[in-house]
Amino acid sequence: MGIGTSIFLIAVGAILRWGVADAIEGVNLAVIGLILMIAGVVGLAVSLIWANAASRRAEPVAPAERPVVRERDVY
């Protein structure tokens, strides 16, 4: 799950939890919204930890050395 998907789940969960006043028989939308928000927060935390670990593993890239084509005297 990526960062965007996690934020989407948090947003949809918040809408279901606090923004929907309708009721469906046998379905508690507030609980479904809470579950989606929890899943989104957990997914966001895992994604950020994973991205941080991946950035630490990557070696810094040295700038490419370009040969000097022509030297120019500056007066």
N, C-alpha and C. Protein backbone atom coordinates (compact mmCIF):
# COMPACT_ATOMS: atom_id res chain seq x y z
N MET A 1 0.85 -1.15 0.00
CA MET A 1 0.00 0.00 0.00
C MET A 1 0.90 1.22 0.00
N GLY A 2 0.62 2.16 -0.88
CA GLY A 2 1.44 3.35 -0.97
C GLY A 2 0.91 4.48 -0.10
N ILE A 3 1.63 5.58 -0.14
CA ILE A 3 1.25 6.74 0.67
C ILE A 3 -0.07 7.31 0.18
N GLY A 4 -0.25 7.40 -1.12
CA GLY A 4 -1.49 7.93 -1.67
C GLY A 4 -2.70 7.08 -1.33
N THR A 5 -2.54 5.78 -1.40
CA THR A 5 -3.63 4.87 -1.05
C THR A 5 -3.98 4.98 0.42
N SER A 6 -2.98 5.14 1.26
CA SER A 6 -3.22 5.28 2.69
C SER A 6 -3.99 6.55 3.00
N ILE A 7 -3.60 7.65 2.38
CA ILE A 7 -4.32 8.91 2.60
C ILE A 7 -5.74 8.81 2.08
N PHE A 8 -5.93 8.12 0.95
CA PHE A 8 -7.27 7.92 0.42
C PHE A 8 -8.14 7.12 1.40
N LEU A 9 -7.58 6.06 1.98
CA LEU A 9 -8.34 5.27 2.96
C LEU A 9 -8.70 6.09 4.19
N ILE A 10 -7.78 6.92 4.65
CA ILE A 10 -8.07 7.78 5.80
C ILE A 10 -9.20 8.74 5.47
N ALA A 11 -9.17 9.32 4.28
CA ALA A 11 -10.20 10.28 3.88
C ALA A 11 -11.57 9.61 3.74
N VAL A 12 -11.61 8.47 3.08
CA VAL A 12 -12.88 7.76 2.91
C VAL A 12 -13.41 7.30 4.27
N GLY A 13 -12.53 6.83 5.13
CA GLY A 13 -12.95 6.41 6.46
C GLY A 13 -13.52 7.57 7.27
N ALA A 14 -12.89 8.73 7.17
CA ALA A 14 -13.39 9.90 7.90
C ALA A 14 -14.74 10.34 7.36
N ILE A 15 -14.92 10.25 6.06
CA ILE A 15 -16.22 10.61 5.47
C ILE A 15 -17.30 9.65 5.96
N LEU A 16 -16.99 8.36 5.97
CA LEU A 16 -17.98 7.39 6.45
C LEU A 16 -18.24 7.54 7.94
N ARG A 17 -17.21 7.86 8.69
CA ARG A 17 -17.35 7.95 10.15
C ARG A 17 -18.16 9.18 10.57
N TRP A 18 -17.82 10.35 10.00
CA TRP A 18 -18.42 11.59 10.48
C TRP A 18 -19.29 12.31 9.46
N GLY A 19 -19.22 11.94 8.20
CA GLY A 19 -19.92 12.71 7.18
C GLY A 19 -21.19 12.09 6.65
N VAL A 20 -21.43 10.82 6.91
CA VAL A 20 -22.60 10.15 6.37
C VAL A 20 -23.62 9.95 7.48
N ALA A 21 -24.83 10.47 7.24
CA ALA A 21 -25.88 10.34 8.25
C ALA A 21 -26.87 9.22 7.89
N ASP A 22 -26.79 8.70 6.68
CA ASP A 22 -27.70 7.63 6.27
C ASP A 22 -27.32 6.32 6.97
N ALA A 23 -28.26 5.42 6.98
CA ALA A 23 -28.03 4.12 7.61
C ALA A 23 -28.40 3.01 6.63
N ILE A 24 -27.65 1.96 6.67
CA ILE A 24 -27.94 0.77 5.88
C ILE A 24 -28.22 -0.34 6.88
N GLU A 25 -29.31 -1.04 6.64
CA GLU A 25 -29.70 -2.09 7.58
C GLU A 25 -28.63 -3.18 7.65
N GLY A 26 -28.18 -3.46 8.84
CA GLY A 26 -27.19 -4.50 9.04
C GLY A 26 -25.76 -4.05 8.85
N VAL A 27 -25.53 -2.78 8.48
CA VAL A 27 -24.18 -2.27 8.25
C VAL A 27 -24.00 -1.01 9.08
N ASN A 28 -22.97 -1.00 9.90
CA ASN A 28 -22.66 0.17 10.70
C ASN A 28 -21.56 0.95 9.99
N LEU A 29 -21.95 2.05 9.32
CA LEU A 29 -20.99 2.81 8.51
C LEU A 29 -19.92 3.48 9.37
N ALA A 30 -20.26 3.83 10.60
CA ALA A 30 -19.26 4.45 11.47
C ALA A 30 -18.14 3.47 11.80
N VAL A 31 -18.48 2.22 12.01
CA VAL A 31 -17.44 1.21 12.32
C VAL A 31 -16.60 0.93 11.08
N ILE A 32 -17.23 0.87 9.92
CA ILE A 32 -16.48 0.66 8.68
C ILE A 32 -15.53 1.83 8.43
N GLY A 33 -16.00 3.05 8.70
CA GLY A 33 -15.14 4.22 8.56
C GLY A 33 -13.96 4.17 9.50
N LEU A 34 -14.19 3.75 10.73
CA LEU A 34 -13.10 3.64 11.70
C LEU A 34 -12.08 2.59 11.26
N ILE A 35 -12.57 1.47 10.76
CA ILE A 35 -11.67 0.41 10.28
C ILE A 35 -10.83 0.91 9.11
N LEU A 36 -11.44 1.64 8.19
CA LEU A 36 -10.69 2.18 7.06
C LEU A 36 -9.64 3.19 7.51
N MET A 37 -10.00 4.03 8.48
CA MET A 37 -9.02 5.01 8.97
C MET A 37 -7.84 4.32 9.66
N ILE A 38 -8.12 3.29 10.45
CA ILE A 38 -7.04 2.56 11.11
C ILE A 38 -6.14 1.88 10.08
N ALA A 39 -6.75 1.26 9.07
CA ALA A 39 -5.96 0.61 8.01
C ALA A 39 -5.13 1.64 7.26
N GLY A 40 -5.69 2.83 7.02
CA GLY A 40 -4.94 3.88 6.35
C GLY A 40 -3.77 4.38 7.16
N VAL A 41 -3.96 4.57 8.46
CA VAL A 41 -2.87 5.04 9.32
C VAL A 41 -1.76 3.99 9.41
N VAL A 42 -2.14 2.72 9.55
CA VAL A 42 -1.13 1.65 9.59
C VAL A 42 -0.38 1.57 8.26
N GLY A 43 -1.11 1.65 7.16
CA GLY A 43 -0.47 1.62 5.85
C GLY A 43 0.45 2.80 5.62
N LEU A 44 0.04 3.98 6.10
CA LEU A 44 0.88 5.17 5.97
C LEU A 44 2.16 5.01 6.78
N ALA A 45 2.04 4.51 7.99
CA ALA A 45 3.24 4.30 8.83
C ALA A 45 4.19 3.30 8.19
N VAL A 46 3.66 2.21 7.68
CA VAL A 46 4.51 1.19 7.04
C VAL A 46 5.17 1.77 5.79
N SER A 47 4.42 2.52 5.00
CA SER A 47 4.99 3.11 3.78
C SER A 47 6.10 4.09 4.10
N LEU A 48 5.90 4.92 5.12
CA LEU A 48 6.94 5.89 5.48
C LEU A 48 8.18 5.20 6.04
N ILE A 49 7.99 4.17 6.85
CA ILE A 49 9.14 3.42 7.37
C ILE A 49 9.88 2.73 6.24
N TRP A 50 9.14 2.15 5.31
CA TRP A 50 9.76 1.47 4.18
C TRP A 50 10.52 2.45 3.28
N ALA A 51 9.93 3.62 3.03
CA ALA A 51 10.60 4.63 2.20
C ALA A 51 11.86 5.14 2.89
N ASN A 52 11.80 5.31 4.21
CA ASN A 52 12.97 5.77 4.95
C ASN A 52 14.09 4.74 4.90
N ALA A 53 13.74 3.48 5.07
CA ALA A 53 14.75 2.42 5.03
C ALA A 53 15.36 2.30 3.63
N ALA A 54 14.54 2.47 2.61
CA ALA A 54 15.05 2.37 1.23
C ALA A 54 15.98 3.53 0.91
N SER A 55 15.68 4.72 1.45
CA SER A 55 16.55 5.86 1.16
C SER A 55 17.88 5.74 1.89
N ARG A 56 17.90 5.06 3.01
CA ARG A 56 19.16 4.87 3.74
C ARG A 56 20.04 3.83 3.06
N ARG A 57 19.42 2.86 2.38
CA ARG A 57 20.20 1.82 1.70
C ARG A 57 20.84 2.33 0.43
N ALA A 58 20.22 3.29 -0.20
CA ALA A 58 20.73 3.78 -1.48
C ALA A 58 22.04 4.53 -1.27
N GLU A 59 23.01 4.25 -2.12
CA GLU A 59 24.28 4.93 -2.03
C GLU A 59 24.18 6.27 -2.75
N PRO A 60 24.82 7.29 -2.21
CA PRO A 60 24.78 8.58 -2.89
C PRO A 60 25.46 8.48 -4.25
N VAL A 61 24.88 9.12 -5.21
CA VAL A 61 25.40 9.07 -6.57
C VAL A 61 26.36 10.24 -6.76
N ALA A 62 27.59 9.92 -7.13
CA ALA A 62 28.59 10.96 -7.37
C ALA A 62 28.30 11.62 -8.71
N PRO A 63 28.55 12.91 -8.80
CA PRO A 63 28.35 13.57 -10.10
C PRO A 63 29.30 12.99 -11.14
N ALA A 64 28.80 12.88 -12.32
CA ALA A 64 29.61 12.30 -13.39
C ALA A 64 30.79 13.23 -13.70
N GLU A 65 31.95 12.64 -13.82
CA GLU A 65 33.12 13.44 -14.15
C GLU A 65 33.15 13.64 -15.66
N ARG A 66 33.16 14.91 -16.03
CA ARG A 66 33.22 15.23 -17.45
C ARG A 66 34.62 15.66 -17.81
N PRO A 67 35.14 15.19 -18.92
CA PRO A 67 36.47 15.63 -19.33
C PRO A 67 36.43 17.10 -19.76
N VAL A 68 37.54 17.78 -19.52
CA VAL A 68 37.64 19.18 -19.93
C VAL A 68 37.85 19.20 -21.44
N VAL A 69 36.94 19.86 -22.12
CA VAL A 69 37.03 19.90 -23.56
C VAL A 69 38.01 20.98 -24.00
N ARG A 70 37.90 22.16 -23.37
CA ARG A 70 38.77 23.27 -23.75
C ARG A 70 38.96 24.15 -22.53
N GLU A 71 40.20 24.50 -22.27
CA GLU A 71 40.47 25.43 -21.18
C GLU A 71 40.45 26.83 -21.73
N ARG A 72 39.93 27.75 -20.91
CA ARG A 72 39.81 29.12 -21.35
C ARG A 72 40.49 30.03 -20.32
N ASP A 73 41.34 30.93 -20.78
CA ASP A 73 41.99 31.87 -19.87
C ASP A 73 41.03 33.01 -19.55
N VAL A 74 40.96 33.34 -18.26
CA VAL A 74 40.11 34.44 -17.82
C VAL A 74 41.02 35.56 -17.34
N TYR A 75 40.84 36.75 -17.86
CA TYR A 75 41.70 37.88 -17.48
C TYR A 75 40.99 38.78 -16.54
